[in-house]
Amino acid sequence: MNSIYKKLGVKIPEILLPAEGTDLTKWAVIACDQYTSQPDYWQSVEENAGQSPSTLKLIFPEIYLKEEDSGIRINNINKTMEQYLEQGVLQPQKPGFILVDRSTPHTASRKGLIVAVDLECYDYNVGSQSLIRATEGTVLDRIPPRVKIRENAPIELPHIMVLIDDPNKTVIESLYSRKDTYKKLYDFDLMQGGGHIRGWKVEDEQSLSQVASALEKLVGDISPKQGDVSPKPLLFAMGDGNHSLASAKAHWENVKAELLRKQGNPTQAANHQADSACADAGAKASGIPEHPARYALVELVNVHDDGLVFEPIHRVIFGINHATIQQQLIEAARRLQLDARIRFFDSMKVVDEAIEMAEDSVTAPHNILFILEGAYGLFTVKNPVSTLEVGTLQSVLDELVKNSIETGNDTDLEIDYIHGDQVVTELGSKAGSMGFFLPVMNKNDLFKTVKADGVLPRKTFSMGEAEEKRYYMECRCIK
């Protein structure tokens, strides 16, 4: 069974959970990359957690990444991790998976399975054919600060959600049908309107073998064939937390290089193919070291889960000049050889009618709804080169920011990625900002699109609303 899991890029983890008696509602907090423009949310989390043991003290909310005390904050995080281990706040569990069931204000049930994945089987670079694959573009300059957080950390906490394409529901849902036969580990309400979560320990040989067999059937034959240039199998597609997994990968590469240096083989890492260890059931020939940092704890979710809903990730740009932003957007589009225009409308009804008329045309343009100074309008690109509206808009916004830096104008321009129409309306209506509303992607198209076209534009979709994101609960030692 272990050889099957090795081939699949999966490891049965030894998970750490809070000691009995811990207030789990105060312990679990939402993913660090949420509510990045809403300091009041994080202030409320801090008040809720108080002096109780909490994952808030083990993470770096990204809203604070740009503050000058980041080094002090990271040191405090590492010290707290050590304290929680030494004082028994975190208790080790026997090797096994954790089956989870999450309800939110928007869905009655979303099921998942906590496993560890082999970072040797993951490659976030464009064109990757690895078994574990990014679904959207990775922003490389977002990785170093996150590696800094991880490099001296004795434990990891996952908010990473990885998708499997299991239409017959043979992996997670099969376990859930027998949940009453497993030991329940937790059952509590999540803070800040996050809903409710339950977890069961999956550790018996029969269940572990069943999961391995079901995953093996999903991926099919992954043995390398000489001369075969066809696309490689895709078993795990990133859902949420792509940059966190990319940071775990970068950290592992640093650890691996040091291990290989000590072994007297510093060049081996550079020659290693990202998915070769997965193709070799034992990975014996690869010589890649075993180390806790080689693996990352994630939650697997079936893309066909009825409780999993894809939501769009909207954009808000801050630091704009209201008098010039329209012309700047048009000029940015022109530099990309895009034919763009901006129109304002008297009501949303008229906006909807304009979009419907465009969709009925033979060559439909991309019409992207925006809000500026409280008024709604459409940013229309007649000759889009991207399949998705998000790709068109992101390219223009990136060009806008790039030009502002090169020319020294509007150097305070900043893009944030927002969940929820209401938040975009509120933020985009403020002075110095502009909000863009994007359509949702069909989740059933995800795997086939990534297999055929590669990674999607970054921040293409969100798995649910902000409050539905994964809360930190389980931990794992990485040293």
Protein backbone atom coordinates (compact mmCIF):
# COMPACT_ATOMS: atom_id res chain seq x y z
CA MET A 1 0.00 0.00 0.00
CA ASN A 2 2.80 2.43 0.85
CA SER A 3 4.35 1.84 -2.59
CA ILE A 4 1.03 2.75 -4.22
CA TYR A 5 0.81 5.95 -2.20
CA LYS A 6 4.42 6.77 -3.09
CA LYS A 7 3.58 6.44 -6.77
CA LEU A 8 0.52 8.65 -6.28
CA GLY A 9 2.47 11.39 -4.51
CA VAL A 10 0.61 10.83 -1.23
CA LYS A 11 1.85 10.12 2.29
CA ILE A 12 -0.17 9.00 5.30
CA PRO A 13 0.62 11.83 7.73
CA GLU A 14 1.20 11.99 11.47
CA ILE A 15 -1.08 14.86 12.37
CA LEU A 16 -0.99 17.15 15.41
CA LEU A 17 -4.28 18.25 16.97
CA PRO A 18 -5.07 20.57 19.90
CA ALA A 19 -5.12 18.90 23.29
CA GLU A 20 -8.43 17.82 24.79
CA GLY A 21 -10.18 20.75 26.45
CA THR A 22 -8.93 23.35 23.95
CA ASP A 23 -11.62 25.82 22.86
CA LEU A 24 -11.62 24.85 19.19
CA THR A 25 -13.76 27.80 18.12
CA LYS A 26 -10.96 30.07 19.33
CA TRP A 27 -8.30 27.72 18.00
CA ALA A 28 -9.38 27.61 14.33
CA VAL A 29 -9.05 30.79 12.25
CA ILE A 30 -9.54 31.39 8.56
CA ALA A 31 -6.86 31.22 5.85
CA CYS A 32 -4.23 33.97 6.13
CA ASP A 33 -4.84 35.21 2.58
CA GLN A 34 -8.45 36.25 3.22
CA TYR A 35 -9.89 39.69 4.06
CA THR A 36 -6.65 41.37 2.99
CA SER A 37 -8.36 44.77 2.68
CA GLN A 38 -10.47 44.47 5.81
CA PRO A 39 -8.42 45.09 8.98
CA ASP A 40 -11.59 45.11 11.08
CA TYR A 41 -12.08 41.41 10.36
CA TRP A 42 -8.65 40.46 11.71
CA GLN A 43 -9.06 42.75 14.69
CA SER A 44 -12.26 40.89 15.50
CA VAL A 45 -10.46 37.53 15.15
CA GLU A 46 -7.81 38.72 17.60
CA GLU A 47 -10.48 39.77 20.08
CA ASN A 48 -12.29 36.42 19.71
CA ALA A 49 -9.11 34.39 20.24
CA GLY A 50 -7.94 36.43 23.21
CA GLN A 51 -5.30 34.67 25.31
CA SER A 52 -6.53 31.17 24.41
CA PRO A 53 -4.42 28.80 22.29
CA SER A 54 -5.16 29.76 18.70
CA THR A 55 -3.80 29.23 15.22
CA LEU A 56 -3.94 33.03 14.91
CA LYS A 57 -0.66 33.01 16.86
CA LEU A 58 0.84 30.50 14.40
CA ILE A 59 0.09 32.26 11.12
CA PHE A 60 0.94 35.54 9.39
CA PRO A 61 -2.27 37.18 8.10
CA GLU A 62 -1.31 38.65 4.75
CA ILE A 63 -2.93 41.97 5.54
CA TYR A 64 0.14 42.58 7.73
CA LEU A 65 2.82 41.39 5.29
CA LYS A 66 3.92 44.90 4.35
CA GLU A 67 4.34 46.12 7.91
CA GLU A 68 7.88 46.84 9.11
CA ASP A 69 7.72 44.44 12.06
CA SER A 70 7.42 41.31 9.88
CA GLY A 71 10.67 39.85 11.22
CA ILE A 72 9.50 40.23 14.82
CA ARG A 73 6.14 38.72 13.95
CA ILE A 74 7.77 35.68 12.29
CA ASN A 75 10.04 35.14 15.30
CA ASN A 76 7.02 35.25 17.61
CA ILE A 77 5.20 32.74 15.41
CA ASN A 78 8.13 30.31 15.58
CA LYS A 79 8.45 30.72 19.36
CA THR A 80 4.75 30.07 19.85
CA MET A 81 4.97 26.95 17.70
CA GLU A 82 7.80 25.66 19.89
CA GLN A 83 5.84 26.48 23.04
CA TYR A 84 2.73 24.68 21.81
CA LEU A 85 4.83 21.59 21.12
CA GLU A 86 6.73 21.72 24.42
CA GLN A 87 3.65 22.46 26.54
CA GLY A 88 1.50 19.78 24.93
CA VAL A 89 -0.97 22.22 23.41
CA LEU A 90 -0.52 20.15 20.23
CA GLN A 91 -0.86 16.39 20.57
CA PRO A 92 0.48 13.86 18.02
CA GLN A 93 -1.96 11.43 16.46
CA LYS A 94 -1.28 8.00 15.01
CA PRO A 95 -0.65 8.01 11.22
CA GLY A 96 -3.86 8.37 9.26
CA PHE A 97 -6.09 10.65 7.25
CA ILE A 98 -8.81 12.92 8.63
CA LEU A 99 -12.22 12.93 6.96
CA VAL A 100 -13.88 16.34 7.31
CA ASP A 101 -17.37 17.68 6.74
CA ARG A 102 -17.87 21.44 6.63
CA SER A 103 -21.11 23.37 6.59
CA THR A 104 -21.19 27.09 5.83
CA PRO A 105 -23.85 29.80 5.51
CA HIS A 106 -23.93 28.89 1.81
CA THR A 107 -23.80 25.09 1.77
CA ALA A 108 -24.98 22.31 4.07
CA SER A 109 -22.01 20.00 3.48
CA ARG A 110 -18.61 20.07 1.80
CA LYS A 111 -16.48 17.00 2.36
CA GLY A 112 -12.71 16.67 2.38
CA LEU A 113 -9.84 14.39 3.29
CA ILE A 114 -6.67 15.60 5.04
CA VAL A 115 -3.58 13.93 3.52
CA ALA A 116 0.05 14.80 2.93
CA VAL A 117 1.27 15.25 -0.64
CA ASP A 118 4.78 14.71 -1.96
CA LEU A 119 6.26 18.00 -3.13
CA GLU A 120 8.51 16.02 -5.47
CA CYS A 121 5.36 15.39 -7.49
CA TYR A 122 4.40 19.07 -7.71
CA ASP A 123 5.61 21.71 -10.14
CA TYR A 124 3.92 25.12 -10.32
CA ASN A 125 5.80 26.30 -13.40
CA VAL A 126 3.97 27.04 -16.65
CA GLY A 127 3.85 23.95 -18.85
CA SER A 128 4.23 21.56 -15.94
CA GLN A 129 3.14 17.97 -16.51
CA SER A 130 3.53 16.93 -12.87
CA LEU A 131 1.01 14.75 -11.06
CA ILE A 132 0.14 17.65 -8.75
CA ARG A 133 -0.36 20.77 -10.80
CA ALA A 134 -1.14 24.46 -10.36
CA THR A 135 -4.39 25.55 -11.97
CA GLU A 136 -3.50 29.23 -12.20
CA GLY A 137 -0.43 31.35 -12.70
CA THR A 138 1.95 31.57 -9.76
CA VAL A 139 3.25 35.02 -8.86
CA LEU A 140 6.90 34.28 -8.15
CA ASP A 141 7.57 37.37 -6.05
CA ARG A 142 4.89 36.21 -3.60
CA ILE A 143 6.92 33.12 -2.71
CA PRO A 144 10.04 34.49 -0.89
CA PRO A 145 8.19 36.21 1.99
CA ARG A 146 6.15 33.06 2.55
CA VAL A 147 9.29 30.90 2.49
CA LYS A 148 10.72 33.23 5.14
CA ILE A 149 7.77 32.37 7.36
CA ARG A 150 8.27 28.63 6.82
CA GLU A 151 12.04 28.26 6.88
CA ASN A 152 12.43 28.15 10.68
CA ALA A 153 8.95 26.91 11.51
CA PRO A 154 8.84 23.53 13.30
CA ILE A 155 5.27 22.87 12.15
CA GLU A 156 2.97 23.64 9.24
CA LEU A 157 -0.72 24.50 9.20
CA PRO A 158 -2.61 23.96 5.95
CA HIS A 159 -5.23 26.14 4.37
CA ILE A 160 -4.45 24.39 1.07
CA MET A 161 -7.32 22.68 -0.73
CA VAL A 162 -6.45 20.34 -3.60
CA LEU A 163 -9.04 19.01 -6.04
CA ILE A 164 -9.57 15.55 -7.45
CA ASP A 165 -11.76 14.73 -10.46
CA ASP A 166 -13.92 11.92 -9.09
CA PRO A 167 -17.37 12.01 -10.77
CA ASN A 168 -18.34 8.62 -9.34
CA LYS A 169 -17.41 9.77 -5.82
CA THR A 170 -15.23 6.77 -5.02
CA VAL A 171 -12.69 8.38 -2.69
CA ILE A 172 -13.99 10.89 -0.14
CA GLU A 173 -17.71 10.24 -0.38
CA SER A 174 -17.16 6.50 -0.02
CA LEU A 175 -15.44 7.10 3.31
CA TYR A 176 -18.15 9.53 4.39
CA SER A 177 -20.81 6.86 3.90
CA ARG A 178 -19.07 4.95 6.72
CA LYS A 179 -18.22 7.93 8.91
CA ASP A 180 -20.01 6.47 11.93
CA THR A 181 -17.46 3.65 12.02
CA TYR A 182 -14.57 6.10 12.50
CA LYS A 183 -13.47 7.89 15.65
CA LYS A 184 -14.77 11.47 15.77
CA LEU A 185 -11.94 13.91 16.47
CA TYR A 186 -13.77 17.23 16.54
CA ASP A 187 -17.22 18.77 16.08
CA PHE A 188 -17.58 22.53 16.64
CA ASP A 189 -18.68 25.91 15.33
CA LEU A 190 -16.15 28.06 13.48
CA MET A 191 -15.70 31.70 14.48
CA GLN A 192 -16.66 34.73 12.42
CA GLY A 193 -19.58 33.08 10.60
CA GLY A 194 -17.48 30.24 9.18
CA GLY A 195 -20.12 27.59 9.82
CA HIS A 196 -19.50 24.20 11.44
CA ILE A 197 -16.89 21.46 10.98
CA ARG A 198 -16.58 17.80 11.97
CA GLY A 199 -13.61 15.47 11.62
CA TRP A 200 -13.08 11.68 11.83
CA LYS A 201 -9.86 9.67 11.98
CA VAL A 202 -9.32 7.27 9.07
CA GLU A 203 -6.53 4.89 10.07
CA ASP A 204 -7.69 1.30 9.54
CA GLU A 205 -5.93 -0.72 6.85
CA GLN A 206 -9.09 -1.44 4.88
CA SER A 207 -10.01 2.23 4.49
CA LEU A 208 -6.47 3.31 3.70
CA SER A 209 -6.19 0.58 1.05
CA GLN A 210 -9.54 1.61 -0.41
CA VAL A 211 -8.41 5.22 -0.78
CA ALA A 212 -5.17 4.13 -2.44
CA SER A 213 -7.03 1.88 -4.87
CA ALA A 214 -9.61 4.55 -5.74
CA LEU A 215 -6.94 7.21 -6.37
CA GLU A 216 -4.96 4.76 -8.48
CA LYS A 217 -8.00 4.18 -10.68
CA LEU A 218 -8.53 7.93 -11.07
CA VAL A 219 -5.03 8.56 -12.34
CA GLY A 220 -4.65 5.41 -14.45
CA ASP A 221 -1.26 4.28 -15.68
CA ILE A 222 1.43 6.79 -14.72
CA SER A 223 4.44 4.61 -15.56
CA PRO A 224 6.82 6.48 -17.90
CA LYS A 225 6.93 5.15 -21.46
CA GLN A 226 9.90 5.69 -23.73
CA GLY A 227 9.15 8.15 -26.50
CA ASP A 228 5.71 8.99 -25.15
CA VAL A 229 5.09 12.74 -25.60
CA SER A 230 1.37 12.71 -24.76
CA PRO A 231 0.14 14.84 -21.83
CA LYS A 232 0.96 13.30 -18.45
CA PRO A 233 -1.83 12.34 -16.01
CA LEU A 234 -3.20 15.01 -13.70
CA LEU A 235 -4.37 13.60 -10.37
CA PHE A 236 -4.35 16.63 -8.09
CA ALA A 237 -5.26 20.15 -9.23
CA MET A 238 -4.74 23.14 -6.98
CA GLY A 239 -7.94 24.65 -5.63
CA ASP A 240 -7.00 27.11 -2.87
CA GLY A 241 -3.61 27.96 -1.44
CA ASN A 242 -1.49 27.69 -4.59
CA HIS A 243 1.11 30.14 -3.29
CA SER A 244 1.27 28.37 0.06
CA LEU A 245 2.01 25.05 -1.65
CA ALA A 246 4.48 26.80 -3.95
CA SER A 247 6.21 28.21 -0.86
CA ALA A 248 6.30 24.74 0.72
CA LYS A 249 7.87 23.48 -2.52
CA ALA A 250 10.48 26.26 -2.53
CA HIS A 251 11.30 25.58 1.11
CA TRP A 252 11.68 21.87 0.40
CA GLU A 253 14.03 22.60 -2.50
CA ASN A 254 16.22 24.59 -0.08
CA VAL A 255 16.15 21.78 2.49
CA LYS A 256 16.81 19.15 -0.18
CA ALA A 257 19.78 21.05 -1.56
CA GLU A 258 21.34 21.18 1.89
CA LEU A 259 20.68 17.47 2.49
CA LEU A 260 22.23 16.57 -0.85
CA ARG A 261 25.21 18.80 -0.11
CA LYS A 262 25.77 16.92 3.13
CA GLN A 263 25.52 13.67 1.20
CA GLY A 264 28.18 14.95 -1.18
CA ASN A 265 25.84 15.16 -4.18
CA PRO A 266 24.92 18.86 -4.61
CA THR A 267 24.11 18.60 -8.33
CA GLN A 268 21.47 15.89 -8.14
CA ALA A 269 18.60 18.26 -7.24
CA ALA A 270 19.17 20.31 -10.39
CA ASN A 271 18.90 17.22 -12.57
CA HIS A 272 15.77 15.88 -10.92
CA GLN A 273 12.48 15.92 -12.82
CA ALA A 274 9.51 17.04 -10.72
CA ASP A 275 7.40 13.99 -11.39
CA SER A 276 10.06 11.29 -11.63
CA ALA A 277 9.62 10.16 -8.03
CA CYS A 278 5.91 9.63 -8.70
CA ALA A 279 6.61 7.58 -11.81
CA ASP A 280 8.87 5.25 -9.84
CA ALA A 281 6.79 3.41 -7.26
CA GLY A 282 9.60 3.23 -4.75
CA ALA A 283 11.47 6.35 -5.87
CA LYS A 284 14.56 4.29 -5.04
CA ALA A 285 16.44 5.25 -8.15
CA SER A 286 15.86 8.96 -7.68
CA GLY A 287 17.91 9.18 -4.47
CA ILE A 288 15.71 12.01 -3.22
CA PRO A 289 16.06 12.30 0.56
CA GLU A 290 13.25 11.55 2.97
CA HIS A 291 12.47 14.50 5.25
CA PRO A 292 9.29 15.90 6.82
CA ALA A 293 9.60 19.08 4.71
CA ARG A 294 9.30 16.98 1.55
CA TYR A 295 5.57 16.70 2.24
CA ALA A 296 2.78 19.21 2.74
CA LEU A 297 -0.52 18.76 4.54
CA VAL A 298 -3.55 19.51 2.35
CA GLU A 299 -7.28 18.91 2.21
CA LEU A 300 -8.44 16.91 -0.81
CA VAL A 301 -11.87 17.91 -2.16
CA ASN A 302 -13.77 16.33 -5.03
CA VAL A 303 -14.51 18.93 -7.69
CA HIS A 304 -17.89 17.17 -8.10
CA ASP A 305 -18.83 17.60 -4.43
CA ASP A 306 -22.30 19.15 -4.32
CA GLY A 307 -21.15 21.54 -1.60
CA LEU A 308 -18.24 22.88 -3.62
CA VAL A 309 -19.20 26.05 -5.48
CA PHE A 310 -16.87 28.05 -7.66
CA GLU A 311 -17.11 31.79 -7.13
CA PRO A 312 -15.40 34.51 -9.14
CA ILE A 313 -12.51 36.48 -7.67
CA HIS A 314 -13.07 40.14 -8.39
CA ARG A 315 -10.52 42.94 -8.65
CA VAL A 316 -10.25 46.32 -6.95
CA ILE A 317 -7.51 48.77 -7.85
CA PHE A 318 -6.45 51.31 -5.25
CA GLY A 319 -4.47 54.52 -5.56
CA ILE A 320 -6.09 55.67 -8.80
CA ASN A 321 -6.71 59.16 -10.11
CA HIS A 322 -10.44 59.29 -10.90
CA ALA A 323 -9.88 61.96 -13.54
CA THR A 324 -7.42 59.90 -15.57
CA ILE A 325 -8.10 56.22 -14.81
CA GLN A 326 -10.44 55.67 -17.78
CA GLN A 327 -7.91 56.92 -20.30
CA GLN A 328 -5.12 54.99 -18.56
CA LEU A 329 -7.06 51.74 -18.90
CA ILE A 330 -7.73 52.37 -22.59
CA GLU A 331 -4.08 53.18 -23.23
CA ALA A 332 -2.94 50.07 -21.32
CA ALA A 333 -5.22 47.97 -23.51
CA ARG A 334 -3.88 49.60 -26.68
CA ARG A 335 -0.29 48.80 -25.68
CA LEU A 336 -1.43 45.19 -25.61
CA GLN A 337 -3.06 45.68 -29.05
CA LEU A 338 -6.53 45.35 -27.57
CA ASP A 339 -9.48 47.38 -28.84
CA ALA A 340 -11.15 48.63 -25.67
CA ARG A 341 -13.75 51.16 -24.64
CA ILE A 342 -15.51 52.29 -21.46
CA ARG A 343 -19.20 53.06 -21.12
CA PHE A 344 -21.31 54.19 -18.16
CA PHE A 345 -24.98 53.29 -17.74
CA ASP A 346 -27.96 54.72 -15.90
CA SER A 347 -28.95 51.42 -14.28
CA MET A 348 -27.94 47.79 -13.87
CA LYS A 349 -30.88 46.82 -16.06
CA VAL A 350 -29.35 48.70 -18.98
CA VAL A 351 -25.96 47.11 -18.24
CA ASP A 352 -27.51 43.62 -18.36
CA GLU A 353 -29.21 44.41 -21.64
CA ALA A 354 -25.92 45.58 -23.16
CA ILE A 355 -24.17 42.37 -22.07
CA GLU A 356 -26.99 40.19 -23.47
CA MET A 357 -26.82 41.97 -26.83
CA ALA A 358 -23.05 41.41 -26.97
CA GLU A 359 -23.40 37.72 -26.12
CA ASP A 360 -25.80 37.24 -29.01
CA SER A 361 -23.32 38.60 -31.51
CA VAL A 362 -21.16 36.35 -33.70
CA THR A 363 -17.85 37.52 -32.22
CA ALA A 364 -18.68 38.29 -28.60
CA PRO A 365 -16.38 40.82 -26.93
CA HIS A 366 -15.44 40.67 -23.27
CA ASN A 367 -17.69 42.97 -21.25
CA ILE A 368 -16.45 43.46 -17.70
CA LEU A 369 -18.67 45.25 -15.20
CA PHE A 370 -17.01 47.89 -13.04
CA ILE A 371 -17.93 50.48 -10.42
CA LEU A 372 -16.27 53.89 -10.23
CA GLU A 373 -17.38 56.77 -8.01
CA GLY A 374 -20.63 54.94 -7.31
CA ALA A 375 -21.51 54.55 -11.01
CA TYR A 376 -21.63 51.26 -12.94
CA GLY A 377 -20.12 50.76 -16.35
CA LEU A 378 -18.62 48.25 -18.77
CA PHE A 379 -15.01 47.85 -19.74
CA THR A 380 -15.37 46.28 -23.18
CA VAL A 381 -12.58 44.58 -25.15
CA LYS A 382 -13.69 43.82 -28.72
CA ASN A 383 -10.77 41.56 -29.67
CA PRO A 384 -9.87 39.54 -26.55
CA VAL A 385 -6.99 37.11 -26.86
CA SER A 386 -7.83 35.28 -23.65
CA THR A 387 -10.58 32.70 -23.43
CA LEU A 388 -11.74 34.00 -20.07
CA GLU A 389 -12.66 37.57 -19.09
CA VAL A 390 -10.35 37.31 -16.11
CA GLY A 391 -7.38 36.79 -18.44
CA THR A 392 -8.27 39.86 -20.46
CA LEU A 393 -8.75 42.10 -17.43
CA GLN A 394 -5.67 40.84 -15.59
CA SER A 395 -3.41 41.53 -18.56
CA VAL A 396 -4.69 45.12 -18.77
CA LEU A 397 -4.38 45.73 -15.04
CA ASP A 398 -0.86 44.30 -15.00
CA GLU A 399 0.10 46.59 -17.88
CA LEU A 400 -1.48 49.54 -16.04
CA VAL A 401 0.58 48.91 -12.89
CA LYS A 402 3.74 48.20 -14.88
CA ASN A 403 3.44 51.47 -16.79
CA SER A 404 2.75 53.46 -13.63
CA ILE A 405 5.98 52.14 -12.12
CA GLU A 406 8.03 52.77 -15.28
CA THR A 407 6.74 56.32 -15.72
CA GLY A 408 6.70 57.24 -12.06
CA ASN A 409 3.04 58.19 -12.22
CA ASP A 410 0.44 56.81 -9.81
CA THR A 411 3.08 54.68 -8.11
CA ASP A 412 0.58 53.87 -5.34
CA LEU A 413 -1.51 51.78 -7.73
CA GLU A 414 -2.28 48.41 -6.17
CA ILE A 415 -4.51 45.49 -7.16
CA ASP A 416 -6.37 43.44 -4.58
CA TYR A 417 -8.34 40.25 -5.17
CA ILE A 418 -11.77 40.35 -3.58
CA HIS A 419 -14.50 37.82 -2.79
CA GLY A 420 -18.12 38.93 -2.87
CA ASP A 421 -20.02 41.49 -4.94
CA GLN A 422 -20.92 43.60 -1.92
CA VAL A 423 -17.30 44.03 -0.83
CA VAL A 424 -16.32 45.09 -4.36
CA THR A 425 -19.17 47.59 -4.40
CA GLU A 426 -18.11 49.05 -1.06
CA LEU A 427 -14.38 49.21 -1.81
CA GLY A 428 -14.76 50.21 -5.46
CA SER A 429 -17.02 53.13 -4.56
CA LYS A 430 -14.45 54.75 -2.29
CA ALA A 431 -12.24 57.64 -3.33
CA GLY A 432 -9.10 56.48 -5.10
CA SER A 433 -10.41 53.05 -6.03
CA MET A 434 -12.24 51.18 -8.80
CA GLY A 435 -13.87 47.75 -8.63
CA PHE A 436 -14.28 45.11 -11.35
CA PHE A 437 -16.82 42.26 -11.21
CA LEU A 438 -15.90 39.02 -12.96
CA PRO A 439 -18.07 36.05 -14.02
CA VAL A 440 -17.79 32.59 -12.51
CA MET A 441 -16.00 29.63 -14.16
CA ASN A 442 -17.78 26.29 -14.61
CA LYS A 443 -16.04 23.95 -12.14
CA ASN A 444 -16.67 20.91 -14.36
CA ASP A 445 -14.37 22.43 -16.97
CA LEU A 446 -11.39 22.81 -14.64
CA PHE A 447 -9.48 19.56 -15.16
CA LYS A 448 -9.98 19.35 -18.92
CA THR A 449 -9.02 23.02 -19.32
CA VAL A 450 -5.82 22.65 -17.30
CA LYS A 451 -4.93 19.44 -19.16
CA ALA A 452 -5.50 21.08 -22.55
CA ASP A 453 -4.41 24.69 -22.02
CA GLY A 454 -2.19 24.65 -18.94
CA VAL A 455 -2.55 27.08 -16.07
CA LEU A 456 -5.36 29.59 -15.98
CA PRO A 457 -4.87 33.31 -15.32
CA ARG A 458 -4.08 33.86 -11.65
CA LYS A 459 -7.00 34.31 -9.30
CA THR A 460 -9.47 32.91 -11.84
CA PHE A 461 -11.83 31.30 -9.37
CA SER A 462 -12.49 30.88 -5.70
CA MET A 463 -13.89 27.80 -4.03
CA GLY A 464 -16.81 29.46 -2.29
CA GLU A 465 -17.12 32.81 -0.57
CA ALA A 466 -14.46 34.22 1.74
CA GLU A 467 -16.05 32.82 4.91
CA GLU A 468 -16.08 29.35 3.32
CA LYS A 469 -12.30 29.17 3.00
CA ARG A 470 -10.41 26.58 4.96
CA TYR A 471 -9.85 27.27 8.64
CA TYR A 472 -6.57 26.20 10.23
CA MET A 473 -7.11 23.15 12.41
CA GLU A 474 -4.60 20.34 11.88
CA CYS A 475 -0.81 20.73 12.11
CA ARG A 476 2.20 18.60 11.13
CA CYS A 477 5.88 18.68 12.06
CA ILE A 478 8.16 19.68 9.18
CA LYS A 479 11.51 19.43 11.00
